[in-house]
Amino acid sequence: MAQVINRQKARQAILLGTVILLAVASGLSCKQNSAPEATVKMQSNSPNGKYRCVVKEQLPPEGYASPHIYTFTIQDALTNRDLKGQSSERNTDSAALSDLKFAWSENELTVSLPTDPPRPFLNAKFHDDQQQWTSVGN
C-alpha cells in the first residue's frame, strides 16, 4: 500500500513539474511587442531663451505601423522642467511628423506643419509657469 501511495505522489509531482515547465516555456515564447521609449524628435527655443518646446515621439510597437504619438510640452529652458498644465498629445496614425515650424511670441507659440504656406495645427499659451495647448484647424 505504501508503494502505491509513493507511486501516486511521484506521478503527481512529475505532472506538476511538467505543467510548470510548459507554463514557463509558453511565457518565454510569447514575446509581447512593446513600444520603444519615447524620444525627443524636435526642440525649439523661444527667442528670449526662457522657454523651450520639446516634441517627443512615441513609435508604435515593433511589427506595427501605427500609431505615431507625439507629445508637445513647454519647458523652462534653465531648469528643463515642464511648465505646469497639460502637454498636448497628437496621434498621427502611421504618418511621422518632421520639420515642424515654431512661431514664438512673448507668451505664445504656434506649431505649424511644413506645408507651403505653413499650416498651424497647435497653439500654446504660457505664463506664470503654466502651459495651455489648443488645437488649431482640424
C-alpha atoms as a PDB file:
ATOM      1  CA  MET A   1       0.000   0.000   0.000  1.00  0.00           C
ATOM      2  CA  ALA A   2       2.894   2.347   0.792  1.00  0.00           C
ATOM      3  CA  GLN A   3       4.319   1.685  -2.684  1.00  0.00           C
ATOM      4  CA  VAL A   4       1.020   2.655  -4.356  1.00  0.00           C
ATOM      5  CA  ILE A   5       0.883   5.939  -2.425  1.00  0.00           C
ATOM      6  CA  ASN A   6       4.547   6.710  -3.247  1.00  0.00           C
ATOM      7  CA  ARG A   7       3.963   5.986  -6.975  1.00  0.00           C
ATOM      8  CA  GLN A   8       0.866   8.168  -6.945  1.00  0.00           C
ATOM      9  CA  LYS A   9       2.803  11.042  -5.288  1.00  0.00           C
ATOM     10  CA  ALA A  10       5.643  10.581  -7.781  1.00  0.00           C
ATOM     11  CA  ARG A  11       3.194  10.790 -10.735  1.00  0.00           C
ATOM     12  CA  GLN A  12       1.580  13.898  -9.263  1.00  0.00           C
ATOM     13  CA  ALA A  13       4.994  15.514  -8.779  1.00  0.00           C
ATOM     14  CA  ILE A  14       6.001  14.685 -12.373  1.00  0.00           C
ATOM     15  CA  LEU A  15       2.681  16.012 -13.697  1.00  0.00           C
ATOM     16  CA  LEU A  16       3.015  19.221 -11.678  1.00  0.00           C
ATOM     17  CA  GLY A  17       6.614  19.706 -12.853  1.00  0.00           C
ATOM     18  CA  THR A  18       5.556  19.193 -16.479  1.00  0.00           C
ATOM     19  CA  VAL A  19       2.756  21.759 -16.145  1.00  0.00           C
ATOM     20  CA  ILE A  20       5.145  24.294 -14.613  1.00  0.00           C
ATOM     21  CA  LEU A  21       7.739  23.739 -17.364  1.00  0.00           C
ATOM     22  CA  LEU A  22       5.093  24.151 -20.060  1.00  0.00           C
ATOM     23  CA  ALA A  23       3.841  27.366 -18.461  1.00  0.00           C
ATOM     24  CA  VAL A  24       7.351  28.810 -18.253  1.00  0.00           C
ATOM     25  CA  ALA A  25       8.188  27.785 -21.841  1.00  0.00           C
ATOM     26  CA  SER A  26       4.921  29.249 -23.079  1.00  0.00           C
ATOM     27  CA  GLY A  27       5.594  32.520 -21.279  1.00  0.00           C
ATOM     28  CA  LEU A  28       9.088  32.779 -22.725  1.00  0.00           C
ATOM     29  CA  SER A  29       7.950  32.087 -26.261  1.00  0.00           C
ATOM     30  CA  CYS A  30       5.172  34.690 -26.192  1.00  0.00           C
ATOM     31  CA  LYS A  31       7.094  37.926 -26.541  1.00  0.00           C
ATOM     32  CA  GLN A  32       4.863  40.936 -26.235  1.00  0.00           C
ATOM     33  CA  ASN A  33       5.588  43.641 -28.740  1.00  0.00           C
ATOM     34  CA  SER A  34       6.115  46.673 -26.572  1.00  0.00           C
ATOM     35  CA  ALA A  35       6.597  50.167 -27.847  1.00  0.00           C
ATOM     36  CA  PRO A  36      10.098  51.634 -27.595  1.00  0.00           C
ATOM     37  CA  GLU A  37      10.741  54.515 -25.202  1.00  0.00           C
ATOM     38  CA  ALA A  38       9.571  57.949 -26.346  1.00  0.00           C
ATOM     39  CA  THR A  39      12.422  60.039 -27.740  1.00  0.00           C
ATOM     40  CA  VAL A  40      12.901  63.742 -28.344  1.00  0.00           C
ATOM     41  CA  LYS A  41      12.086  64.317 -32.004  1.00  0.00           C
ATOM     42  CA  MET A  42      12.381  68.130 -32.174  1.00  0.00           C
ATOM     43  CA  GLN A  43      13.070  71.135 -29.981  1.00  0.00           C
ATOM     44  CA  SER A  44      12.621  74.835 -30.438  1.00  0.00           C
ATOM     45  CA  ASN A  45      13.799  77.607 -28.118  1.00  0.00           C
ATOM     46  CA  SER A  46      11.941  80.875 -27.622  1.00  0.00           C
ATOM     47  CA  PRO A  47      13.759  83.941 -28.955  1.00  0.00           C
ATOM     48  CA  ASN A  48      14.333  85.246 -25.402  1.00  0.00           C
ATOM     49  CA  GLY A  49      15.847  81.876 -24.376  1.00  0.00           C
ATOM     50  CA  LYS A  50      13.417  81.496 -21.462  1.00  0.00           C
ATOM     51  CA  TYR A  51      11.328  78.612 -22.849  1.00  0.00           C
ATOM     52  CA  ARG A  52      11.748  75.501 -24.947  1.00  0.00           C
ATOM     53  CA  CYS A  53       9.164  73.475 -26.830  1.00  0.00           C
ATOM     54  CA  VAL A  54      10.033  69.779 -26.725  1.00  0.00           C
ATOM     55  CA  VAL A  55       8.375  67.326 -29.102  1.00  0.00           C
ATOM     56  CA  LYS A  56       8.650  63.669 -28.091  1.00  0.00           C
ATOM     57  CA  GLU A  57       7.810  60.850 -30.471  1.00  0.00           C
ATOM     58  CA  GLN A  58       6.402  57.534 -29.284  1.00  0.00           C
ATOM     59  CA  LEU A  59       6.846  54.996 -32.062  1.00  0.00           C
ATOM     60  CA  PRO A  60       4.443  52.065 -32.384  1.00  0.00           C
ATOM     61  CA  PRO A  61       5.379  48.619 -31.071  1.00  0.00           C
ATOM     62  CA  GLU A  62       7.710  46.544 -33.229  1.00  0.00           C
ATOM     63  CA  GLY A  63       5.835  44.989 -36.131  1.00  0.00           C
ATOM     64  CA  TYR A  64       3.137  47.699 -36.180  1.00  0.00           C
ATOM     65  CA  ALA A  65       2.899  50.696 -38.498  1.00  0.00           C
ATOM     66  CA  SER A  66       0.818  52.901 -36.225  1.00  0.00           C
ATOM     67  CA  PRO A  67       0.149  54.890 -34.196  1.00  0.00           C
ATOM     68  CA  HIS A  68       2.851  57.532 -34.030  1.00  0.00           C
ATOM     69  CA  ILE A  69       2.127  59.584 -30.898  1.00  0.00           C
ATOM     70  CA  TYR A  70       3.700  62.987 -30.349  1.00  0.00           C
ATOM     71  CA  THR A  71       3.778  64.890 -27.072  1.00  0.00           C
ATOM     72  CA  PHE A  72       4.310  68.659 -27.134  1.00  0.00           C
ATOM     73  CA  THR A  73       5.348  70.446 -23.962  1.00  0.00           C
ATOM     74  CA  ILE A  74       6.778  73.795 -22.958  1.00  0.00           C
ATOM     75  CA  GLN A  75       9.763  73.676 -20.620  1.00  0.00           C
ATOM     76  CA  ASP A  76      11.627  76.248 -18.612  1.00  0.00           C
ATOM     77  CA  ALA A  77      14.911  76.437 -20.550  1.00  0.00           C
ATOM     78  CA  LEU A  78      17.013  76.963 -17.404  1.00  0.00           C
ATOM     79  CA  THR A  79      15.636  74.041 -15.362  1.00  0.00           C
ATOM     80  CA  ASN A  80      14.496  71.735 -18.208  1.00  0.00           C
ATOM     81  CA  ARG A  81      11.256  71.197 -16.266  1.00  0.00           C
ATOM     82  CA  ASP A  82       7.861  71.084 -17.925  1.00  0.00           C
ATOM     83  CA  LEU A  83       5.634  74.012 -17.121  1.00  0.00           C
ATOM     84  CA  LYS A  84       2.542  73.169 -15.101  1.00  0.00           C
ATOM     85  CA  GLY A  85      -0.593  72.282 -17.033  1.00  0.00           C
ATOM     86  CA  GLN A  86      -1.241  69.673 -19.654  1.00  0.00           C
ATOM     87  CA  SER A  87       1.084  68.833 -22.506  1.00  0.00           C
ATOM     88  CA  SER A  88      -0.539  68.254 -25.879  1.00  0.00           C
ATOM     89  CA  GLU A  89      -0.652  64.755 -27.357  1.00  0.00           C
ATOM     90  CA  ARG A  90      -1.228  64.120 -31.053  1.00  0.00           C
ATOM     91  CA  ASN A  91      -1.818  60.761 -32.736  1.00  0.00           C
ATOM     92  CA  THR A  92      -0.804  60.854 -36.399  1.00  0.00           C
ATOM     93  CA  ASP A  93      -1.744  57.246 -37.178  1.00  0.00           C
ATOM     94  CA  SER A  94       1.139  55.989 -39.342  1.00  0.00           C
ATOM     95  CA  ALA A  95       2.453  59.368 -40.516  1.00  0.00           C
ATOM     96  CA  ALA A  96       5.652  60.703 -38.993  1.00  0.00           C
ATOM     97  CA  LEU A  97       5.960  64.415 -38.242  1.00  0.00           C
ATOM     98  CA  SER A  98       9.093  66.240 -39.293  1.00  0.00           C
ATOM     99  CA  ASP A  99      10.332  69.764 -39.969  1.00  0.00           C
ATOM    100  CA  LEU A 100       7.597  71.439 -37.925  1.00  0.00           C
ATOM    101  CA  LYS A 101       7.621  75.233 -37.858  1.00  0.00           C
ATOM    102  CA  PHE A 102       7.636  77.035 -34.497  1.00  0.00           C
ATOM    103  CA  ALA A 103       6.453  80.670 -34.344  1.00  0.00           C
ATOM    104  CA  TRP A 104       7.137  82.238 -30.938  1.00  0.00           C
ATOM    105  CA  SER A 105       5.765  85.435 -29.458  1.00  0.00           C
ATOM    106  CA  GLU A 106       6.224  86.682 -25.886  1.00  0.00           C
ATOM    107  CA  ASN A 107       3.669  84.329 -24.265  1.00  0.00           C
ATOM    108  CA  GLU A 108       2.501  82.177 -27.143  1.00  0.00           C
ATOM    109  CA  LEU A 109       3.734  79.510 -29.551  1.00  0.00           C
ATOM    110  CA  THR A 110       2.153  78.314 -32.768  1.00  0.00           C
ATOM    111  CA  VAL A 111       3.278  74.967 -34.207  1.00  0.00           C
ATOM    112  CA  SER A 112       2.707  74.518 -37.944  1.00  0.00           C
ATOM    113  CA  LEU A 113       3.056  71.739 -40.465  1.00  0.00           C
ATOM    114  CA  PRO A 114       5.807  72.338 -43.057  1.00  0.00           C
ATOM    115  CA  THR A 115       3.417  72.995 -45.952  1.00  0.00           C
ATOM    116  CA  ASP A 116       3.558  75.992 -48.266  1.00  0.00           C
ATOM    117  CA  PRO A 117       2.281  78.145 -46.653  1.00  0.00           C
ATOM    118  CA  PRO A 118       2.799  76.546 -43.211  1.00  0.00           C
ATOM    119  CA  ARG A 119      -0.487  75.267 -41.733  1.00  0.00           C
ATOM    120  CA  PRO A 120      -0.882  75.888 -37.977  1.00  0.00           C
ATOM    121  CA  PHE A 121      -2.224  72.934 -36.002  1.00  0.00           C
ATOM    122  CA  LEU A 122      -1.309  73.631 -32.337  1.00  0.00           C
ATOM    123  CA  ASN A 123      -1.184  76.737 -30.212  1.00  0.00           C
ATOM    124  CA  ALA A 124       0.348  77.078 -26.744  1.00  0.00           C
ATOM    125  CA  LYS A 125      -0.090  79.925 -24.304  1.00  0.00           C
ATOM    126  CA  PHE A 126       2.276  80.101 -21.368  1.00  0.00           C
ATOM    127  CA  HIS A 127       2.681  82.409 -18.390  1.00  0.00           C
ATOM    128  CA  ASP A 128       3.356  82.158 -14.652  1.00  0.00           C
ATOM    129  CA  ASP A 129       4.885  78.662 -15.030  1.00  0.00           C
ATOM    130  CA  GLN A 130       1.694  77.409 -16.769  1.00  0.00           C
ATOM    131  CA  GLN A 131       1.137  75.990 -20.258  1.00  0.00           C
ATOM    132  CA  GLN A 132      -2.150  75.617 -22.105  1.00  0.00           C
ATOM    133  CA  TRP A 133      -2.464  73.944 -25.505  1.00  0.00           C
ATOM    134  CA  THR A 134      -5.278  74.173 -28.037  1.00  0.00           C
ATOM    135  CA  SER A 135      -5.762  72.599 -31.457  1.00  0.00           C
ATOM    136  CA  VAL A 136      -5.934  74.879 -34.459  1.00  0.00           C
ATOM    137  CA  GLY A 137      -7.840  73.849 -37.590  1.00  0.00           C
ATOM    138  CA  ASN A 138      -8.564  70.132 -37.792  1.00  0.00           C
END
